[in-house]
Amino acid sequence: MDINAFKTFLEVAKTRHFGRAANNLCVTQSAVSARIKALEESLGAELFIRERSNIHLSPSGEALVIHASSIVDMWNRARQEVSLPNGMQYSLNVGGLPGLWDILLQDWLNQVLLAQPDLAMNADIYSADVLVEKVLNRSIDLAFFYDAPHSPQLTSQIFSKINLRLVSSNPDVSIDDAIQDRYIYVDWGTYFGVQHAAAFPSSSIAKLYTSSGRIAFEAIKANGGAAYLAEPMVRSAVQRGEISYVADAPVFERAAYAVFHQSSNKAEFVTQLLQDSLMQD
């Protein structure tokens, strides 16, 4: 099996262009064409429909994407576990949602690296759908979500509870004014939306809607305004006086979940790692 053929297939599927795929892979366009042709011949199926100035996946190509992604993931995992760096005895693949890295996971990762000197780690950012797929195919050992995925194959536990607090660039602003003037609505999920609507039934249309706490935070620092943000993200800025908590505003809570495959050969190690993390908190 030529793993480069699957990597090349995925790159062409992503870029829809042989030339751009070649540039991204640092190979010639003829090498890309040869790899795709060899893969199509070995599978006995056309993977791309080639039209003038238009390349797109065939039905067979669509079907191969998930399998090819899993094959590449498992190959990378095997390489990591077989070829551990000097002094390393264990490896762990971790994935999380973008916002959780800003709020919790970077600090957690730093603590783990310090506490586990013989642990080699791979840490990446993925969307929720991709995270679920990678945990199910066991190319990721541990994943972090806002909402626990529903699957009998996965074990989920609350990793942390996050306070969402109303912050503003104006230290003297009232709750009503904070919600009305230059307010930024951060989509923290359905449960937050219900709580927010109940607390502020007459709130006006927000100046900015976003699913990223980081985007809202940077917008407030640059242009002023207010938003509900995760307390760990804004704590230092509040202490420095750059922004302020809005007095008497309701505090909402959001859970973060740690998820791993029940049949993973690292399930016991992951369970202990999470337990140690909770004890440190």
Protein backbone atom coordinates (compact mmCIF):
# COMPACT_ATOMS: atom_id res chain seq x y z
CA MET A 1 0.00 0.00 0.00
CA ASP A 2 1.42 3.40 -1.03
CA ILE A 3 0.39 5.84 1.69
CA ASN A 4 1.51 8.74 -0.53
CA ALA A 5 -1.19 7.79 -3.04
CA PHE A 6 -3.89 8.27 -0.41
CA LYS A 7 -2.33 11.55 0.78
CA THR A 8 -2.23 12.75 -2.81
CA PHE A 9 -5.83 11.69 -3.40
CA LEU A 10 -7.00 13.65 -0.34
CA GLU A 11 -5.05 16.75 -1.42
CA VAL A 12 -6.56 16.68 -4.91
CA ALA A 13 -10.01 16.10 -3.39
CA LYS A 14 -9.49 19.19 -1.20
CA THR A 15 -8.01 21.52 -3.81
CA ARG A 16 -9.92 20.18 -6.86
CA HIS A 17 -6.75 20.94 -8.82
CA PHE A 18 -3.77 18.74 -9.73
CA GLY A 19 -1.36 21.67 -9.94
CA ARG A 20 -2.27 23.16 -6.56
CA ALA A 21 -2.15 19.71 -4.99
CA ALA A 22 1.34 19.23 -6.43
CA ASN A 23 2.50 22.56 -4.98
CA ASN A 24 1.06 21.74 -1.55
CA LEU A 25 2.73 18.32 -1.57
CA CYS A 26 6.03 19.67 -2.95
CA VAL A 27 6.02 17.24 -5.89
CA THR A 28 5.57 17.62 -9.64
CA GLN A 29 2.14 17.64 -11.26
CA SER A 30 3.12 14.56 -13.24
CA ALA A 31 3.83 12.75 -9.96
CA VAL A 32 0.36 13.66 -8.70
CA SER A 33 -1.23 12.41 -11.92
CA ALA A 34 0.76 9.17 -11.76
CA ARG A 35 -0.25 8.50 -8.16
CA ILE A 36 -3.93 9.10 -8.85
CA LYS A 37 -3.81 6.91 -11.96
CA ALA A 38 -2.09 4.08 -10.04
CA LEU A 39 -4.67 4.35 -7.24
CA GLU A 40 -7.55 4.27 -9.72
CA GLU A 41 -6.07 1.22 -11.44
CA SER A 42 -5.55 -0.64 -8.17
CA LEU A 43 -9.13 0.09 -7.07
CA GLY A 44 -10.63 -0.46 -10.51
CA ALA A 45 -12.62 2.76 -10.30
CA GLU A 46 -12.41 6.34 -11.55
CA LEU A 47 -11.94 8.64 -8.55
CA PHE A 48 -12.24 12.04 -10.27
CA ILE A 49 -14.39 13.32 -13.07
CA ARG A 50 -12.12 15.43 -15.24
CA GLU A 51 -13.84 18.16 -17.20
CA ARG A 52 -12.40 21.27 -18.79
CA SER A 53 -11.25 23.56 -15.94
CA ASN A 54 -13.25 21.43 -13.52
CA ILE A 55 -12.14 18.42 -11.48
CA HIS A 56 -14.52 16.90 -8.97
CA LEU A 57 -14.95 13.64 -7.12
CA SER A 58 -16.77 10.76 -8.76
CA PRO A 59 -19.20 8.69 -6.65
CA SER A 60 -16.34 6.23 -6.06
CA GLY A 61 -14.09 9.12 -5.04
CA GLU A 62 -16.70 10.42 -2.60
CA ALA A 63 -16.86 6.96 -1.04
CA LEU A 64 -13.07 6.75 -0.74
CA VAL A 65 -12.59 10.06 1.09
CA ILE A 66 -13.56 8.73 4.53
CA HIS A 67 -11.53 5.54 4.11
CA ALA A 68 -8.48 7.38 2.78
CA SER A 69 -8.62 9.85 5.66
CA SER A 70 -8.77 6.97 8.17
CA ILE A 71 -5.87 5.18 6.45
CA VAL A 72 -3.67 8.28 6.56
CA ASP A 73 -4.64 8.98 10.18
CA MET A 74 -3.84 5.43 11.27
CA TRP A 75 -0.54 5.47 9.37
CA ASN A 76 0.50 8.71 11.09
CA ARG A 77 -0.51 7.24 14.43
CA ALA A 78 1.48 4.05 13.78
CA ARG A 79 4.55 6.08 12.84
CA GLN A 80 4.24 8.11 16.02
CA GLU A 81 3.91 5.06 18.27
CA VAL A 82 6.59 2.98 16.57
CA SER A 83 9.11 5.81 16.25
CA LEU A 84 8.87 7.58 19.60
CA PRO A 85 11.42 10.34 20.20
CA ASN A 86 14.37 9.54 22.44
CA GLY A 87 13.36 9.39 26.09
CA MET A 88 9.65 8.98 25.31
CA GLN A 89 7.78 5.86 26.43
CA TYR A 90 4.19 6.75 25.56
CA SER A 91 2.29 8.73 22.95
CA LEU A 92 -1.10 10.41 22.93
CA ASN A 93 -3.13 12.03 20.14
CA VAL A 94 -5.39 14.81 21.37
CA GLY A 95 -7.94 16.93 19.52
CA GLY A 96 -10.24 19.75 20.55
CA LEU A 97 -12.57 22.42 19.27
CA PRO A 98 -10.96 25.79 18.43
CA GLY A 99 -12.65 27.70 21.24
CA LEU A 100 -11.71 25.15 23.87
CA TRP A 101 -8.02 25.55 23.09
CA ASP A 102 -8.34 29.28 23.87
CA ILE A 103 -10.30 28.70 27.06
CA LEU A 104 -8.94 25.53 28.66
CA LEU A 105 -6.89 23.14 26.62
CA GLN A 106 -3.67 25.09 26.10
CA ASP A 107 -3.15 25.37 29.87
CA TRP A 108 -4.10 21.71 30.32
CA LEU A 109 -1.65 20.65 27.60
CA ASN A 110 1.15 22.65 29.20
CA GLN A 111 0.46 20.98 32.57
CA VAL A 112 0.44 17.50 31.02
CA LEU A 113 3.71 18.07 29.17
CA LEU A 114 5.32 19.22 32.41
CA ALA A 115 3.91 16.38 34.51
CA GLN A 116 4.57 13.62 31.93
CA PRO A 117 8.19 13.97 30.73
CA ASP A 118 8.10 10.56 29.00
CA LEU A 119 4.88 11.30 27.06
CA ALA A 120 5.01 12.35 23.39
CA MET A 121 1.88 14.19 22.29
CA ASN A 122 0.18 15.25 19.09
CA ALA A 123 -2.37 18.03 19.56
CA ASP A 124 -4.63 19.50 16.87
CA ILE A 125 -7.75 21.58 16.29
CA TYR A 126 -10.77 20.08 14.51
CA SER A 127 -14.46 20.71 13.97
CA ALA A 128 -16.92 18.68 16.04
CA ASP A 129 -17.83 16.34 13.15
CA VAL A 130 -14.21 15.56 12.34
CA LEU A 131 -13.42 15.04 16.02
CA VAL A 132 -16.20 12.46 16.37
CA GLU A 133 -15.00 10.61 13.27
CA LYS A 134 -11.40 10.54 14.50
CA VAL A 135 -12.32 9.30 17.97
CA LEU A 136 -14.52 6.58 16.48
CA ASN A 137 -11.76 5.36 14.15
CA ARG A 138 -9.31 5.67 17.06
CA SER A 139 -6.88 7.93 15.27
CA ILE A 140 -7.40 10.33 18.20
CA ASP A 141 -7.05 9.02 21.75
CA LEU A 142 -8.75 11.89 23.53
CA ALA A 143 -11.06 14.65 22.28
CA PHE A 144 -12.70 17.63 23.91
CA PHE A 145 -16.19 18.93 23.06
CA TYR A 146 -18.77 21.38 24.33
CA ASP A 147 -21.50 18.76 23.85
CA ALA A 148 -20.79 15.07 24.41
CA PRO A 149 -21.40 13.02 21.23
CA HIS A 150 -24.02 10.29 21.53
CA SER A 151 -22.39 6.96 20.69
CA PRO A 152 -22.35 3.67 22.64
CA GLN A 153 -18.71 3.24 21.59
CA LEU A 154 -17.55 6.42 23.30
CA THR A 155 -17.00 7.31 26.93
CA SER A 156 -17.75 10.92 27.86
CA GLN A 157 -17.19 12.76 31.10
CA ILE A 158 -17.33 16.37 32.19
CA PHE A 159 -13.83 17.77 31.98
CA SER A 160 -14.57 21.25 33.23
CA LYS A 161 -17.39 23.70 33.84
CA ILE A 162 -16.88 27.13 32.34
CA ASN A 163 -18.49 30.30 33.65
CA LEU A 164 -19.69 32.65 30.91
CA ARG A 165 -19.68 36.23 32.14
CA LEU A 166 -20.83 39.48 30.62
CA VAL A 167 -17.79 41.71 30.07
CA SER A 168 -17.58 45.23 28.68
CA SER A 169 -15.00 47.79 27.65
CA ASN A 170 -16.95 50.31 29.78
CA PRO A 171 -16.38 49.69 33.52
CA ASP A 172 -19.48 51.66 34.53
CA VAL A 173 -21.99 50.29 32.02
CA SER A 174 -25.35 48.94 33.23
CA ILE A 175 -26.61 45.51 32.20
CA ASP A 176 -29.28 46.98 29.90
CA ASP A 177 -26.82 49.32 28.18
CA ALA A 178 -24.25 46.53 27.76
CA ILE A 179 -26.80 44.35 25.97
CA GLN A 180 -28.06 47.18 23.78
CA ASP A 181 -24.94 49.16 22.82
CA ARG A 182 -22.33 47.46 20.58
CA TYR A 183 -23.28 44.08 21.97
CA ILE A 184 -21.59 41.01 20.49
CA TYR A 185 -23.53 37.76 20.68
CA VAL A 186 -21.33 34.68 21.01
CA ASP A 187 -23.10 31.43 20.17
CA TRP A 188 -22.19 29.15 23.07
CA GLY A 189 -24.76 26.56 22.03
CA THR A 190 -28.47 25.87 22.35
CA TYR A 191 -28.59 25.78 26.15
CA PHE A 192 -26.85 29.15 26.40
CA GLY A 193 -29.24 30.58 23.80
CA VAL A 194 -32.24 29.53 25.87
CA GLN A 195 -30.77 30.98 29.06
CA HIS A 196 -29.78 34.19 27.28
CA ALA A 197 -33.25 34.67 25.78
CA ALA A 198 -34.88 34.13 29.17
CA ALA A 199 -32.56 36.61 30.88
CA PHE A 200 -32.76 39.26 28.15
CA PRO A 201 -36.14 38.92 26.40
CA SER A 202 -36.11 42.47 25.07
CA SER A 203 -32.48 42.64 23.91
CA SER A 204 -31.91 44.32 20.55
CA ILE A 205 -30.13 42.85 17.53
CA ALA A 206 -26.44 42.33 18.29
CA LYS A 207 -23.85 44.34 16.37
CA LEU A 208 -21.88 41.15 15.75
CA TYR A 209 -22.77 37.45 15.86
CA THR A 210 -19.99 34.88 16.12
CA SER A 211 -19.36 31.32 17.29
CA SER A 212 -15.85 32.28 18.43
CA GLY A 213 -15.15 33.78 21.82
CA ARG A 214 -11.73 34.81 20.54
CA ILE A 215 -13.25 36.88 17.70
CA ALA A 216 -15.59 38.63 20.15
CA PHE A 217 -12.79 39.28 22.65
CA GLU A 218 -10.51 40.83 20.03
CA ALA A 219 -13.38 42.94 18.66
CA ILE A 220 -14.13 44.33 22.12
CA LYS A 221 -10.48 45.18 22.75
CA ALA A 222 -10.23 46.94 19.38
CA ASN A 223 -13.62 48.65 19.11
CA GLY A 224 -15.29 48.48 22.51
CA GLY A 225 -18.56 46.79 23.34
CA ALA A 226 -19.74 43.86 25.44
CA ALA A 227 -20.20 40.11 25.16
CA TYR A 228 -20.61 36.94 27.18
CA LEU A 229 -17.15 35.36 27.28
CA ALA A 230 -15.55 32.46 29.10
CA GLU A 231 -14.09 33.56 32.41
CA PRO A 232 -10.70 31.82 31.92
CA MET A 233 -10.24 33.71 28.65
CA VAL A 234 -10.84 37.19 30.09
CA ARG A 235 -9.62 36.86 33.68
CA SER A 236 -6.18 38.39 33.06
CA ALA A 237 -7.61 41.26 31.00
CA VAL A 238 -10.08 42.04 33.78
CA GLN A 239 -7.30 42.03 36.37
CA ARG A 240 -5.29 44.45 34.20
CA GLY A 241 -8.33 46.73 33.91
CA GLU A 242 -8.58 46.39 30.12
CA ILE A 243 -12.21 45.22 30.37
CA SER A 244 -14.64 44.77 33.24
CA TYR A 245 -17.31 42.35 34.38
CA VAL A 246 -20.74 43.96 34.15
CA ALA A 247 -22.03 44.28 37.70
CA ASP A 248 -25.00 42.06 38.67
CA ALA A 249 -25.22 40.44 35.20
CA PRO A 250 -26.31 36.78 35.33
CA VAL A 251 -23.54 34.23 35.02
CA PHE A 252 -24.19 31.27 32.71
CA GLU A 253 -22.41 27.92 32.83
CA ARG A 254 -21.05 25.80 29.98
CA ALA A 255 -19.63 22.30 30.34
CA ALA A 256 -16.65 20.91 28.43
CA TYR A 257 -16.48 17.13 27.88
CA ALA A 258 -13.54 14.77 27.53
CA VAL A 259 -14.31 11.87 25.16
CA PHE A 260 -12.43 8.68 24.27
CA HIS A 261 -13.16 5.30 22.69
CA GLN A 262 -14.20 2.58 25.12
CA SER A 263 -12.14 -0.02 23.24
CA SER A 264 -9.00 2.08 22.96
CA ASN A 265 -5.86 0.40 24.22
CA LYS A 266 -5.13 3.73 25.92
CA ALA A 267 -8.47 4.03 27.71
CA GLU A 268 -6.95 3.23 31.10
CA PHE A 269 -4.10 5.69 30.59
CA VAL A 270 -6.51 8.42 29.42
CA THR A 271 -8.80 7.81 32.40
CA GLN A 272 -5.89 8.21 34.82
CA LEU A 273 -4.63 11.30 32.98
CA LEU A 274 -8.04 12.96 33.27
CA GLN A 275 -8.32 11.99 36.93
CA ASP A 276 -4.92 13.53 37.66
CA SER A 277 -5.97 16.69 35.84
CA LEU A 278 -9.13 17.00 37.91
CA MET A 279 -7.14 16.51 41.11
CA GLN A 280 -4.79 19.35 40.12
CA ASP A 281 -7.78 21.64 39.57
